[in-house]
Amino acid sequence: MEDNKDNFDFVEKIPDPDEIMKRYPIEDDSDTLEPFDDGSEHREINADDPVDVARWSQEFQISVEDLKAAIVLNGSSVREIKKYLNV
């Protein structure tokens, strides 16, 4: 085992993380990473209104039938539908 230690000199080749941070600073982009909340997640989809169902099926890029099935399984909350669809 000692012979292998001499053949692999990893410790000397690992760069210092502080030196890398100084050479390649990371820009602060936290202002662009904020989630956009347009208030739609707090809405309910009216499953009885064909216009509302069509709008949300287009928004989620699924068929009207798939959206209706998601509503039956998860309720009409936009937030719950998004979680179900992993949107």
Protein backbone atom coordinates (compact mmCIF):
# COMPACT_ATOMS: atom_id res chain seq x y z
CA MET A 1 0.00 0.00 0.00
CA GLU A 2 2.83 2.40 0.77
CA ASP A 3 4.10 1.98 -2.80
CA ASN A 4 0.79 3.21 -4.21
CA LYS A 5 0.93 6.31 -2.06
CA ASP A 6 4.13 7.43 -3.76
CA ASN A 7 2.72 6.83 -7.24
CA PHE A 8 -0.32 9.05 -6.72
CA ASP A 9 0.63 12.52 -5.64
CA PHE A 10 -2.90 13.99 -5.37
CA VAL A 11 -2.29 16.24 -2.39
CA GLU A 12 0.13 18.51 -4.22
CA LYS A 13 -2.13 18.87 -7.29
CA ILE A 14 -5.28 20.00 -5.47
CA PRO A 15 -5.63 23.77 -5.89
CA ASP A 16 -6.30 25.99 -2.92
CA PRO A 17 -10.04 26.91 -2.89
CA ASP A 18 -9.33 30.42 -1.57
CA GLU A 19 -6.90 31.07 -4.40
CA ILE A 20 -9.44 29.91 -6.96
CA MET A 21 -12.11 32.19 -5.47
CA LYS A 22 -9.74 35.15 -5.77
CA ARG A 23 -8.86 34.33 -9.36
CA TYR A 24 -12.42 33.56 -10.48
CA PRO A 25 -14.88 35.56 -8.38
CA ILE A 26 -18.52 34.58 -8.52
CA GLU A 27 -20.88 37.36 -9.47
CA ASP A 28 -23.81 37.99 -7.21
CA ASP A 29 -26.89 37.19 -9.25
CA SER A 30 -29.29 36.63 -6.39
CA ASP A 31 -31.60 39.34 -7.71
CA THR A 32 -32.16 37.36 -10.92
CA LEU A 33 -32.80 34.09 -9.11
CA GLU A 34 -35.89 35.21 -7.21
CA PRO A 35 -38.97 33.23 -8.18
CA PHE A 36 -41.58 35.19 -10.04
CA ASP A 37 -44.87 35.08 -8.21
CA ASP A 38 -47.66 36.34 -10.39
CA GLY A 39 -50.28 35.27 -7.87
CA SER A 40 -51.50 32.43 -10.07
CA GLU A 41 -50.43 29.75 -7.59
CA HIS A 42 -53.06 30.97 -5.17
CA ARG A 43 -55.82 30.50 -7.74
CA GLU A 44 -58.26 27.71 -8.19
CA ILE A 45 -59.00 26.24 -11.60
CA ASN A 46 -62.70 26.24 -12.32
CA ALA A 47 -63.19 22.76 -13.77
CA ASP A 48 -66.74 23.68 -14.81
CA ASP A 49 -65.57 26.60 -16.98
CA PRO A 50 -64.27 25.35 -20.36
CA VAL A 51 -62.43 28.64 -20.98
CA ASP A 52 -60.57 28.44 -17.66
CA VAL A 53 -59.70 24.77 -18.19
CA ALA A 54 -58.48 25.49 -21.73
CA ARG A 55 -56.37 28.41 -20.50
CA TRP A 56 -54.68 26.34 -17.79
CA SER A 57 -54.18 23.31 -20.03
CA GLN A 58 -52.39 25.59 -22.47
CA GLU A 59 -50.39 27.12 -19.60
CA PHE A 60 -49.31 23.67 -18.39
CA GLN A 61 -48.88 22.40 -21.97
CA ILE A 62 -51.10 19.40 -21.41
CA SER A 63 -54.41 18.30 -22.88
CA VAL A 64 -57.72 19.36 -21.37
CA GLU A 65 -58.41 15.72 -20.47
CA ASP A 66 -55.08 15.40 -18.64
CA LEU A 67 -55.76 18.60 -16.73
CA LYS A 68 -59.21 17.39 -15.71
CA ALA A 69 -57.67 14.11 -14.52
CA ALA A 70 -55.09 16.06 -12.50
CA ILE A 71 -57.88 18.12 -10.94
CA VAL A 72 -59.77 14.96 -9.97
CA LEU A 73 -56.63 13.48 -8.38
CA ASN A 74 -55.24 16.61 -6.70
CA GLY A 75 -57.98 19.22 -6.43
CA SER A 76 -58.31 22.47 -8.33
CA SER A 77 -55.51 24.44 -6.66
CA VAL A 78 -52.99 25.69 -9.21
CA ARG A 79 -50.21 25.10 -6.68
CA GLU A 80 -51.22 21.44 -6.21
CA ILE A 81 -51.56 20.90 -9.94
CA LYS A 82 -48.09 22.37 -10.49
CA LYS A 83 -46.66 20.04 -7.85
CA TYR A 84 -48.39 17.07 -9.47
CA LEU A 85 -47.12 17.99 -12.92
CA ASN A 86 -43.65 18.94 -11.58
CA VAL A 87 -43.87 22.32 -13.26
